[in-house]
Amino acid sequence: MTAAILLQAASGGIMSFLPMILIIVVFYFFMIRPQMKKAKDHKKFIEELKRGDKVITNAGIHGKIVDITDTTFLIEVEGGTKIRFEKSAVSLDASKALNAKA
């Protein structure tokens, strides 16, 4: 009879942690995993950019890539002005939408 009581108490302890475990699993699949996938896609997009590609920065500046270094892009905007941006400043969603129109 004592073993049955211990088994029931142990299963009750596990059951009390079940909601917390479910919350962590749901949080991972709805928050963390999609964010990691988006970061991976953004990194891949930046690595595939080349000279002549049209991009939009996170600040909303439209331009064409003129030069690429390890960490930066030189972007030519309207009027021939050239501006240097960090690669991370290029917007994935906006740039893909811009290139899909063309």
PDB file of N, CA and C in Angstrom:
ATOM      1  N   MET A   1       0.813  -1.196   0.000  1.00  0.00           N
ATOM      2  CA  MET A   1       0.000   0.000   0.000  1.00  0.00           C
ATOM      3  C   MET A   1       0.857   1.261   0.000  1.00  0.00           C
ATOM      4  N   THR A   2       1.997   1.223   0.634  1.00  0.00           N
ATOM      5  CA  THR A   2       2.892   2.358   0.694  1.00  0.00           C
ATOM      6  C   THR A   2       3.457   2.679  -0.697  1.00  0.00           C
ATOM      7  N   ALA A   3       3.776   1.640  -1.466  1.00  0.00           N
ATOM      8  CA  ALA A   3       4.309   1.849  -2.814  1.00  0.00           C
ATOM      9  C   ALA A   3       3.272   2.535  -3.702  1.00  0.00           C
ATOM     10  N   ALA A   4       2.032   2.190  -3.549  1.00  0.00           N
ATOM     11  CA  ALA A   4       0.968   2.797  -4.345  1.00  0.00           C
ATOM     12  C   ALA A   4       0.829   4.275  -4.022  1.00  0.00           C
ATOM     13  N   ILE A   5       0.971   4.623  -2.760  1.00  0.00           N
ATOM     14  CA  ILE A   5       0.877   6.034  -2.347  1.00  0.00           C
ATOM     15  C   ILE A   5       2.056   6.830  -2.907  1.00  0.00           C
ATOM     16  N   LEU A   6       3.255   6.232  -2.856  1.00  0.00           N
ATOM     17  CA  LEU A   6       4.441   6.911  -3.393  1.00  0.00           C
ATOM     18  C   LEU A   6       4.323   7.112  -4.908  1.00  0.00           C
ATOM     19  N   LEU A   7       3.814   6.088  -5.591  1.00  0.00           N
ATOM     20  CA  LEU A   7       3.639   6.194  -7.045  1.00  0.00           C
ATOM     21  C   LEU A   7       2.628   7.282  -7.391  1.00  0.00           C
ATOM     22  N   GLN A   8       1.561   7.361  -6.634  1.00  0.00           N
ATOM     23  CA  GLN A   8       0.550   8.386  -6.866  1.00  0.00           C
ATOM     24  C   GLN A   8       1.113   9.779  -6.579  1.00  0.00           C
ATOM     25  N   ALA A   9       1.914   9.923  -5.543  1.00  0.00           N
ATOM     26  CA  ALA A   9       2.514  11.209  -5.203  1.00  0.00           C
ATOM     27  C   ALA A   9       3.525  11.626  -6.275  1.00  0.00           C
ATOM     28  N   ALA A  10       4.297  10.684  -6.797  1.00  0.00           N
ATOM     29  CA  ALA A  10       5.283  10.996  -7.832  1.00  0.00           C
ATOM     30  C   ALA A  10       4.597  11.430  -9.114  1.00  0.00           C
ATOM     31  N   SER A  11       3.528  10.756  -9.490  1.00  0.00           N
ATOM     32  CA  SER A  11       2.836  11.138 -10.718  1.00  0.00           C
ATOM     33  C   SER A  11       2.140  12.481 -10.550  1.00  0.00           C
ATOM     34  N   GLY A  12       1.695  12.800  -9.364  1.00  0.00           N
ATOM     35  CA  GLY A  12       1.092  14.110  -9.102  1.00  0.00           C
ATOM     36  C   GLY A  12       2.123  15.220  -9.224  1.00  0.00           C
ATOM     37  N   GLY A  13       3.367  14.953  -8.829  1.00  0.00           N
ATOM     38  CA  GLY A  13       4.443  15.932  -8.963  1.00  0.00           C
ATOM     39  C   GLY A  13       4.767  16.227 -10.412  1.00  0.00           C
ATOM     40  N   ILE A  14       4.787  15.183 -11.205  1.00  0.00           N
ATOM     41  CA  ILE A  14       5.069  15.355 -12.637  1.00  0.00           C
ATOM     42  C   ILE A  14       3.917  16.105 -13.303  1.00  0.00           C
ATOM     43  N   MET A  15       2.716  15.774 -12.916  1.00  0.00           N
ATOM     44  CA  MET A  15       1.550  16.422 -13.514  1.00  0.00           C
ATOM     45  C   MET A  15       1.495  17.914 -13.181  1.00  0.00           C
ATOM     46  N   SER A  16       2.064  18.309 -12.061  1.00  0.00           N
ATOM     47  CA  SER A  16       2.055  19.731 -11.713  1.00  0.00           C
ATOM     48  C   SER A  16       3.030  20.526 -12.596  1.00  0.00           C
ATOM     49  N   PHE A  17       4.054  19.850 -13.132  1.00  0.00           N
ATOM     50  CA  PHE A  17       5.004  20.522 -14.028  1.00  0.00           C
ATOM     51  C   PHE A  17       4.567  20.471 -15.489  1.00  0.00           C
ATOM     52  N   LEU A  18       3.592  19.651 -15.813  1.00  0.00           N
ATOM     53  CA  LEU A  18       3.154  19.493 -17.194  1.00  0.00           C
ATOM     54  C   LEU A  18       2.692  20.807 -17.838  1.00  0.00           C
ATOM     55  N   PRO A  19       1.899  21.633 -17.175  1.00  0.00           N
ATOM     56  CA  PRO A  19       1.520  22.901 -17.813  1.00  0.00           C
ATOM     57  C   PRO A  19       2.722  23.807 -18.121  1.00  0.00           C
ATOM     58  N   MET A  20       3.705  23.825 -17.224  1.00  0.00           N
ATOM     59  CA  MET A  20       4.898  24.644 -17.458  1.00  0.00           C
ATOM     60  C   MET A  20       5.689  24.115 -18.650  1.00  0.00           C
ATOM     61  N   ILE A  21       5.796  22.806 -18.757  1.00  0.00           N
ATOM     62  CA  ILE A  21       6.505  22.199 -19.886  1.00  0.00           C
ATOM     63  C   ILE A  21       5.776  22.511 -21.191  1.00  0.00           C
ATOM     64  N   LEU A  22       4.462  22.426 -21.191  1.00  0.00           N
ATOM     65  CA  LEU A  22       3.680  22.740 -22.392  1.00  0.00           C
ATOM     66  C   LEU A  22       3.838  24.204 -22.798  1.00  0.00           C
ATOM     67  N   ILE A  23       3.886  25.102 -21.821  1.00  0.00           N
ATOM     68  CA  ILE A  23       4.080  26.526 -22.118  1.00  0.00           C
ATOM     69  C   ILE A  23       5.431  26.749 -22.774  1.00  0.00           C
ATOM     70  N   ILE A  24       6.460  26.092 -22.268  1.00  0.00           N
ATOM     71  CA  ILE A  24       7.807  26.235 -22.849  1.00  0.00           C
ATOM     72  C   ILE A  24       7.832  25.696 -24.276  1.00  0.00           C
ATOM     73  N   VAL A  25       7.204  24.554 -24.515  1.00  0.00           N
ATOM     74  CA  VAL A  25       7.177  23.964 -25.859  1.00  0.00           C
ATOM     75  C   VAL A  25       6.429  24.881 -26.833  1.00  0.00           C
ATOM     76  N   VAL A  26       5.287  25.387 -26.425  1.00  0.00           N
ATOM     77  CA  VAL A  26       4.511  26.290 -27.283  1.00  0.00           C
ATOM     78  C   VAL A  26       5.303  27.568 -27.549  1.00  0.00           C
ATOM     79  N   PHE A  27       5.932  28.116 -26.525  1.00  0.00           N
ATOM     80  CA  PHE A  27       6.743  29.325 -26.679  1.00  0.00           C
ATOM     81  C   PHE A  27       7.858  29.090 -27.683  1.00  0.00           C
ATOM     82  N   TYR A  28       8.504  27.928 -27.617  1.00  0.00           N
ATOM     83  CA  TYR A  28       9.589  27.615 -28.545  1.00  0.00           C
ATOM     84  C   TYR A  28       9.080  27.566 -29.982  1.00  0.00           C
ATOM     85  N   PHE A  29       7.984  26.843 -30.219  1.00  0.00           N
ATOM     86  CA  PHE A  29       7.517  26.660 -31.596  1.00  0.00           C
ATOM     87  C   PHE A  29       6.850  27.896 -32.189  1.00  0.00           C
ATOM     88  N   PHE A  30       6.295  28.767 -31.366  1.00  0.00           N
ATOM     89  CA  PHE A  30       5.622  29.953 -31.900  1.00  0.00           C
ATOM     90  C   PHE A  30       6.448  31.221 -31.818  1.00  0.00           C
ATOM     91  N   MET A  31       7.510  31.251 -31.019  1.00  0.00           N
ATOM     92  CA  MET A  31       8.291  32.480 -30.858  1.00  0.00           C
ATOM     93  C   MET A  31       9.757  32.296 -31.258  1.00  0.00           C
ATOM     94  N   ILE A  32      10.427  31.353 -30.673  1.00  0.00           N
ATOM     95  CA  ILE A  32      11.875  31.215 -30.859  1.00  0.00           C
ATOM     96  C   ILE A  32      12.214  30.628 -32.219  1.00  0.00           C
ATOM     97  N   ARG A  33      11.592  29.532 -32.583  1.00  0.00           N
ATOM     98  CA  ARG A  33      11.918  28.861 -33.843  1.00  0.00           C
ATOM     99  C   ARG A  33      11.671  29.730 -35.069  1.00  0.00           C
ATOM    100  N   PRO A  34      10.517  30.422 -35.186  1.00  0.00           N
ATOM    101  CA  PRO A  34      10.325  31.288 -36.354  1.00  0.00           C
ATOM    102  C   PRO A  34      11.343  32.435 -36.409  1.00  0.00           C
ATOM    103  N   GLN A  35      11.726  32.966 -35.251  1.00  0.00           N
ATOM    104  CA  GLN A  35      12.712  34.042 -35.230  1.00  0.00           C
ATOM    105  C   GLN A  35      14.074  33.543 -35.707  1.00  0.00           C
ATOM    106  N   MET A  36      14.433  32.326 -35.300  1.00  0.00           N
ATOM    107  CA  MET A  36      15.711  31.751 -35.752  1.00  0.00           C
ATOM    108  C   MET A  36      15.685  31.503 -37.253  1.00  0.00           C
ATOM    109  N   LYS A  37      14.547  31.054 -37.777  1.00  0.00           N
ATOM    110  CA  LYS A  37      14.427  30.815 -39.216  1.00  0.00           C
ATOM    111  C   LYS A  37      14.523  32.119 -39.989  1.00  0.00           C
ATOM    112  N   LYS A  38      13.892  33.166 -39.484  1.00  0.00           N
ATOM    113  CA  LYS A  38      13.936  34.457 -40.157  1.00  0.00           C
ATOM    114  C   LYS A  38      15.363  35.009 -40.169  1.00  0.00           C
ATOM    115  N   ALA A  39      16.091  34.859 -39.064  1.00  0.00           N
ATOM    116  CA  ALA A  39      17.479  35.320 -39.001  1.00  0.00           C
ATOM    117  C   ALA A  39      18.351  34.542 -39.982  1.00  0.00           C
ATOM    118  N   LYS A  40      18.109  33.247 -40.102  1.00  0.00           N
ATOM    119  CA  LYS A  40      18.863  32.414 -41.044  1.00  0.00           C
ATOM    120  C   LYS A  40      18.578  32.843 -42.484  1.00  0.00           C
ATOM    121  N   ASP A  41      17.305  33.099 -42.794  1.00  0.00           N
ATOM    122  CA  ASP A  41      16.931  33.551 -44.138  1.00  0.00           C
ATOM    123  C   ASP A  41      17.552  34.905 -44.468  1.00  0.00           C
ATOM    124  N   HIS A  42      17.579  35.813 -43.489  1.00  0.00           N
ATOM    125  CA  HIS A  42      18.160  37.144 -43.698  1.00  0.00           C
ATOM    126  C   HIS A  42      19.662  37.028 -43.968  1.00  0.00           C
ATOM    127  N   LYS A  43      20.343  36.183 -43.217  1.00  0.00           N
ATOM    128  CA  LYS A  43      21.788  35.988 -43.419  1.00  0.00           C
ATOM    129  C   LYS A  43      22.061  35.420 -44.810  1.00  0.00           C
ATOM    130  N   LYS A  44      21.257  34.435 -45.223  1.00  0.00           N
ATOM    131  CA  LYS A  44      21.429  33.837 -46.547  1.00  0.00           C
ATOM    132  C   LYS A  44      21.168  34.870 -47.642  1.00  0.00           C
ATOM    133  N   PHE A  45      20.121  35.690 -47.475  1.00  0.00           N
ATOM    134  CA  PHE A  45      19.785  36.732 -48.440  1.00  0.00           C
ATOM    135  C   PHE A  45      20.944  37.718 -48.603  1.00  0.00           C
ATOM    136  N   ILE A  46      21.524  38.146 -47.493  1.00  0.00           N
ATOM    137  CA  ILE A  46      22.626  39.107 -47.529  1.00  0.00           C
ATOM    138  C   ILE A  46      23.848  38.504 -48.213  1.00  0.00           C
ATOM    139  N   GLU A  47      24.120  37.220 -47.960  1.00  0.00           N
ATOM    140  CA  GLU A  47      25.275  36.565 -48.580  1.00  0.00           C
ATOM    141  C   GLU A  47      25.109  36.434 -50.094  1.00  0.00           C
ATOM    142  N   GLU A  48      23.872  36.344 -50.566  1.00  0.00           N
ATOM    143  CA  GLU A  48      23.613  36.157 -51.993  1.00  0.00           C
ATOM    144  C   GLU A  48      23.538  37.465 -52.778  1.00  0.00           C
ATOM    145  N   LEU A  49      23.509  38.606 -52.093  1.00  0.00           N
ATOM    146  CA  LEU A  49      23.442  39.888 -52.797  1.00  0.00           C
ATOM    147  C   LEU A  49      24.727  40.133 -53.567  1.00  0.00           C
ATOM    148  N   LYS A  50      24.587  40.786 -54.713  1.00  0.00           N
ATOM    149  CA  LYS A  50      25.747  41.070 -55.558  1.00  0.00           C
ATOM    150  C   LYS A  50      25.619  42.473 -56.138  1.00  0.00           C
ATOM    151  N   ARG A  51      26.650  42.916 -56.815  1.00  0.00           N
ATOM    152  CA  ARG A  51      26.630  44.236 -57.439  1.00  0.00           C
ATOM    153  C   ARG A  51      25.486  44.321 -58.440  1.00  0.00           C
ATOM    154  N   GLY A  52      24.814  45.465 -58.443  1.00  0.00           N
ATOM    155  CA  GLY A  52      23.715  45.681 -59.364  1.00  0.00           C
ATOM    156  C   GLY A  52      22.351  45.341 -58.790  1.00  0.00           C
ATOM    157  N   ASP A  53      22.302  44.641 -57.658  1.00  0.00           N
ATOM    158  CA  ASP A  53      21.017  44.314 -57.042  1.00  0.00           C
ATOM    159  C   ASP A  53      20.392  45.556 -56.421  1.00  0.00           C
ATOM    160  N   LYS A  54      19.094  45.669 -56.572  1.00  0.00           N
ATOM    161  CA  LYS A  54      18.368  46.778 -55.942  1.00  0.00           C
ATOM    162  C   LYS A  54      17.956  46.343 -54.544  1.00  0.00           C
ATOM    163  N   VAL A  55      18.152  47.248 -53.571  1.00  0.00           N
ATOM    164  CA  VAL A  55      17.825  46.940 -52.183  1.00  0.00           C
ATOM    165  C   VAL A  55      17.111  48.114 -51.529  1.00  0.00           C
ATOM    166  N   ILE A  56      16.468  47.824 -50.417  1.00  0.00           N
ATOM    167  CA  ILE A  56      15.876  48.846 -49.561  1.00  0.00           C
ATOM    168  C   ILE A  56      16.447  48.617 -48.169  1.00  0.00           C
ATOM    169  N   THR A  57      16.940  49.666 -47.543  1.00  0.00           N
ATOM    170  CA  THR A  57      17.486  49.528 -46.196  1.00  0.00           C
ATOM    171  C   THR A  57      16.364  49.583 -45.171  1.00  0.00           C
ATOM    172  N   ASN A  58      16.710  49.255 -43.934  1.00  0.00           N
ATOM    173  CA  ASN A  58      15.734  49.332 -42.848  1.00  0.00           C
ATOM    174  C   ASN A  58      15.262  50.766 -42.634  1.00  0.00           C
ATOM    175  N   ALA A  59      16.067  51.736 -43.041  1.00  0.00           N
ATOM    176  CA  ALA A  59      15.696  53.145 -42.921  1.00  0.00           C
ATOM    177  C   ALA A  59      14.797  53.588 -44.073  1.00  0.00           C
ATOM    178  N   GLY A  60      14.586  52.716 -45.057  1.00  0.00           N
ATOM    179  CA  GLY A  60      13.701  53.040 -46.170  1.00  0.00           C
ATOM    180  C   GLY A  60      14.405  53.649 -47.366  1.00  0.00           C
ATOM    181  N   ILE A  61      15.718  53.597 -47.397  1.00  0.00           N
ATOM    182  CA  ILE A  61      16.474  54.167 -48.515  1.00  0.00           C
ATOM    183  C   ILE A  61      16.567  53.138 -49.640  1.00  0.00           C
ATOM    184  N   HIS A  62      16.148  53.535 -50.839  1.00  0.00           N
ATOM    185  CA  HIS A  62      16.192  52.677 -52.014  1.00  0.00           C
ATOM    186  C   HIS A  62      17.490  52.945 -52.759  1.00  0.00           C
ATOM    187  N   GLY A  63      18.115  51.880 -53.245  1.00  0.00           N
ATOM    188  CA  GLY A  63      19.337  52.072 -54.010  1.00  0.00           C
ATOM    189  C   GLY A  63      19.786  50.798 -54.694  1.00  0.00           C
ATOM    190  N   LYS A  64      20.906  50.941 -55.412  1.00  0.00           N
ATOM    191  CA  LYS A  64      21.484  49.823 -56.133  1.00  0.00           C
ATOM    192  C   LYS A  64      22.880  49.583 -55.576  1.00  0.00           C
ATOM    193  N   ILE A  65      23.236  48.330 -55.356  1.00  0.00           N
ATOM    194  CA  ILE A  65      24.548  47.999 -54.794  1.00  0.00           C
ATOM    195  C   ILE A  65      25.625  48.262 -55.845  1.00  0.00           C
ATOM    196  N   VAL A  66      26.627  49.057 -55.436  1.00  0.00           N
ATOM    197  CA  VAL A  66      27.731  49.401 -56.323  1.00  0.00           C
ATOM    198  C   VAL A  66      28.994  48.646 -55.931  1.00  0.00           C
ATOM    199  N   ASP A  67      29.204  48.458 -54.624  1.00  0.00           N
ATOM    200  CA  ASP A  67      30.407  47.796 -54.129  1.00  0.00           C
ATOM    201  C   ASP A  67      30.060  47.012 -52.873  1.00  0.00           C
ATOM    202  N   ILE A  68      30.739  45.883 -52.685  1.00  0.00           N
ATOM    203  CA  ILE A  68      30.508  45.043 -51.513  1.00  0.00           C
ATOM    204  C   ILE A  68      31.840  44.765 -50.841  1.00  0.00           C
ATOM    205  N   THR A  69      31.885  44.938 -49.514  1.00  0.00           N
ATOM    206  CA  THR A  69      33.041  44.506 -48.726  1.00  0.00           C
ATOM    207  C   THR A  69      32.561  43.413 -47.770  1.00  0.00           C
ATOM    208  N   ASP A  70      33.421  43.001 -46.852  1.00  0.00           N
ATOM    209  CA  ASP A  70      33.049  41.935 -45.922  1.00  0.00           C
ATOM    210  C   ASP A  70      31.843  42.295 -45.069  1.00  0.00           C
ATOM    211  N   THR A  71      31.770  43.527 -44.620  1.00  0.00           N
ATOM    212  CA  THR A  71      30.699  43.906 -43.688  1.00  0.00           C
ATOM    213  C   THR A  71      29.792  45.022 -44.190  1.00  0.00           C
ATOM    214  N   THR A  72      30.109  45.625 -45.341  1.00  0.00           N
ATOM    215  CA  THR A  72      29.322  46.771 -45.792  1.00  0.00           C
ATOM    216  C   THR A  72      28.961  46.676 -47.273  1.00  0.00           C
ATOM    217  N   PHE A  73      27.963  47.494 -47.642  1.00  0.00           N
ATOM    218  CA  PHE A  73      27.573  47.706 -49.033  1.00  0.00           C
ATOM    219  C   PHE A  73      27.745  49.175 -49.343  1.00  0.00           C
ATOM    220  N   LEU A  74      28.155  49.490 -50.560  1.00  0.00           N
ATOM    221  CA  LEU A  74      28.110  50.861 -51.049  1.00  0.00           C
ATOM    222  C   LEU A  74      26.907  50.919 -51.978  1.00  0.00           C
ATOM    223  N   ILE A  75      25.928  51.744 -51.598  1.00  0.00           N
ATOM    224  CA  ILE A  75      24.667  51.813 -52.335  1.00  0.00           C
ATOM    225  C   ILE A  75      24.571  53.151 -53.045  1.00  0.00           C
ATOM    226  N   GLU A  76      24.233  53.099 -54.337  1.00  0.00           N
ATOM    227  CA  GLU A  76      24.023  54.318 -55.112  1.00  0.00           C
ATOM    228  C   GLU A  76      22.543  54.638 -55.106  1.00  0.00           C
ATOM    229  N   VAL A  77      22.225  55.841 -54.636  1.00  0.00           N
ATOM    230  CA  VAL A  77      20.830  56.287 -54.597  1.00  0.00           C
ATOM    231  C   VAL A  77      20.608  57.251 -55.747  1.00  0.00           C
ATOM    232  N   GLU A  78      19.383  57.747 -55.889  1.00  0.00           N
ATOM    233  CA  GLU A  78      19.028  58.644 -56.979  1.00  0.00           C
ATOM    234  C   GLU A  78      19.930  59.876 -56.977  1.00  0.00           C
ATOM    235  N   GLY A  79      20.328  60.308 -58.149  1.00  0.00           N
ATOM    236  CA  GLY A  79      21.188  61.474 -58.273  1.00  0.00           C
ATOM    237  C   GLY A  79      22.666  61.115 -58.242  1.00  0.00           C
ATOM    238  N   GLY A  80      22.984  59.822 -58.186  1.00  0.00           N
ATOM    239  CA  GLY A  80      24.375  59.392 -58.200  1.00  0.00           C
ATOM    240  C   GLY A  80      25.061  59.434 -56.843  1.00  0.00           C
ATOM    241  N   THR A  81      24.363  59.787 -55.793  1.00  0.00           N
ATOM    242  CA  THR A  81      24.952  59.817 -54.462  1.00  0.00           C
ATOM    243  C   THR A  81      25.190  58.392 -53.981  1.00  0.00           C
ATOM    244  N   LYS A  82      26.351  58.172 -53.368  1.00  0.00           N
ATOM    245  CA  LYS A  82      26.692  56.845 -52.868  1.00  0.00           C
ATOM    246  C   LYS A  82      26.776  56.894 -51.348  1.00  0.00           C
ATOM    247  N   ILE A  83      26.169  55.897 -50.726  1.00  0.00           N
ATOM    248  CA  ILE A  83      26.129  55.815 -49.271  1.00  0.00           C
ATOM    249  C   ILE A  83      26.571  54.412 -48.864  1.00  0.00           C
ATOM    250  N   ARG A  84      27.411  54.334 -47.814  1.00  0.00           N
ATOM    251  CA  ARG A  84      27.871  53.037 -47.327  1.00  0.00           C
ATOM    252  C   ARG A  84      27.006  52.603 -46.141  1.00  0.00           C
ATOM    253  N   PHE A  85      26.508  51.356 -46.201  1.00  0.00           N
ATOM    254  CA  PHE A  85      25.671  50.788 -45.147  1.00  0.00           C
ATOM    255  C   PHE A  85      26.244  49.463 -44.675  1.00  0.00           C
ATOM    256  N   GLU A  86      25.957  49.136 -43.436  1.00  0.00           N
ATOM    257  CA  GLU A  86      26.276  47.808 -42.925  1.00  0.00           C
ATOM    258  C   GLU A  86      25.362  46.808 -43.636  1.00  0.00           C
ATOM    259  N   LYS A  87      25.849  45.595 -43.822  1.00  0.00           N
ATOM    260  CA  LYS A  87      25.043  44.579 -44.489  1.00  0.00           C
ATOM    261  C   LYS A  87      23.766  44.282 -43.716  1.00  0.00           C
ATOM    262  N   SER A  88      23.828  44.373 -42.413  1.00  0.00           N
ATOM    263  CA  SER A  88      22.649  44.073 -41.602  1.00  0.00           C
ATOM    264  C   SER A  88      21.551  45.116 -41.751  1.00  0.00           C
ATOM    265  N   ALA A  89      21.848  46.268 -42.372  1.00  0.00           N
ATOM    266  CA  ALA A  89      20.858  47.332 -42.536  1.00  0.00           C
ATOM    267  C   ALA A  89      19.932  47.105 -43.718  1.00  0.00           C
ATOM    268  N   VAL A  90      20.195  46.069 -44.517  1.00  0.00           N
ATOM    269  CA  VAL A  90      19.345  45.786 -45.668  1.00  0.00           C
ATOM    270  C   VAL A  90      18.106  45.039 -45.198  1.00  0.00           C
ATOM    271  N   SER A  91      16.945  45.492 -45.634  1.00  0.00           N
ATOM    272  CA  SER A  91      15.672  44.879 -45.246  1.00  0.00           C
ATOM    273  C   SER A  91      15.367  43.706 -46.161  1.00  0.00           C
ATOM    274  N   LEU A  92      15.196  42.543 -45.573  1.00  0.00           N
ATOM    275  CA  LEU A  92      14.914  41.329 -46.341  1.00  0.00           C
ATOM    276  C   LEU A  92      13.551  41.415 -47.025  1.00  0.00           C
ATOM    277  N   ASP A  93      12.519  41.692 -46.264  1.00  0.00           N
ATOM    278  CA  ASP A  93      11.157  41.691 -46.802  1.00  0.00           C
ATOM    279  C   ASP A  93      10.951  42.774 -47.856  1.00  0.00           C
ATOM    280  N   ALA A  94      11.388  43.983 -47.567  1.00  0.00           N
ATOM    281  CA  ALA A  94      11.191  45.093 -48.502  1.00  0.00           C
ATOM    282  C   ALA A  94      12.004  44.889 -49.781  1.00  0.00           C
ATOM    283  N   SER A  95      13.236  44.393 -49.652  1.00  0.00           N
ATOM    284  CA  SER A  95      14.074  44.181 -50.835  1.00  0.00           C
ATOM    285  C   SER A  95      13.526  43.065 -51.707  1.00  0.00           C
ATOM    286  N   LYS A  96      13.019  42.011 -51.087  1.00  0.00           N
ATOM    287  CA  LYS A  96      12.431  40.923 -51.881  1.00  0.00           C
ATOM    288  C   LYS A  96      11.183  41.413 -52.615  1.00  0.00           C
ATOM    289  N   ALA A  97      10.384  42.226 -51.957  1.00  0.00           N
ATOM    290  CA  ALA A  97       9.179  42.763 -52.602  1.00  0.00           C
ATOM    291  C   ALA A  97       9.563  43.685 -53.761  1.00  0.00           C
ATOM    292  N   LEU A  98      10.606  44.480 -53.592  1.00  0.00           N
ATOM    293  CA  LEU A  98      11.073  45.376 -54.649  1.00  0.00           C
ATOM    294  C   LEU A  98      11.542  44.581 -55.850  1.00  0.00           C
ATOM    295  N   ASN A  99      12.323  43.536 -55.627  1.00  0.00           N
ATOM    296  CA  ASN A  99      12.849  42.733 -56.727  1.00  0.00           C
ATOM    297  C   ASN A  99      11.775  41.847 -57.360  1.00  0.00           C
ATOM    298  N   ALA A 100      10.720  41.523 -56.628  1.00  0.00           N
ATOM    299  CA  ALA A 100       9.631  40.725 -57.195  1.00  0.00           C
ATOM    300  C   ALA A 100       8.833  41.553 -58.204  1.00  0.00           C
ATOM    301  N   LYS A 101       8.740  42.859 -57.988  1.00  0.00           N
ATOM    302  CA  LYS A 101       8.020  43.746 -58.911  1.00  0.00           C
ATOM    303  C   LYS A 101       8.745  43.866 -60.243  1.00  0.00           C
ATOM    304  N   ALA A 102      10.070  43.869 -60.178  1.00  0.00           N
ATOM    305  CA  ALA A 102      10.887  44.116 -61.375  1.00  0.00           C
ATOM    306  C   ALA A 102      10.881  42.955 -62.329  1.00  0.00           C
TER     307      ALA A 102
END
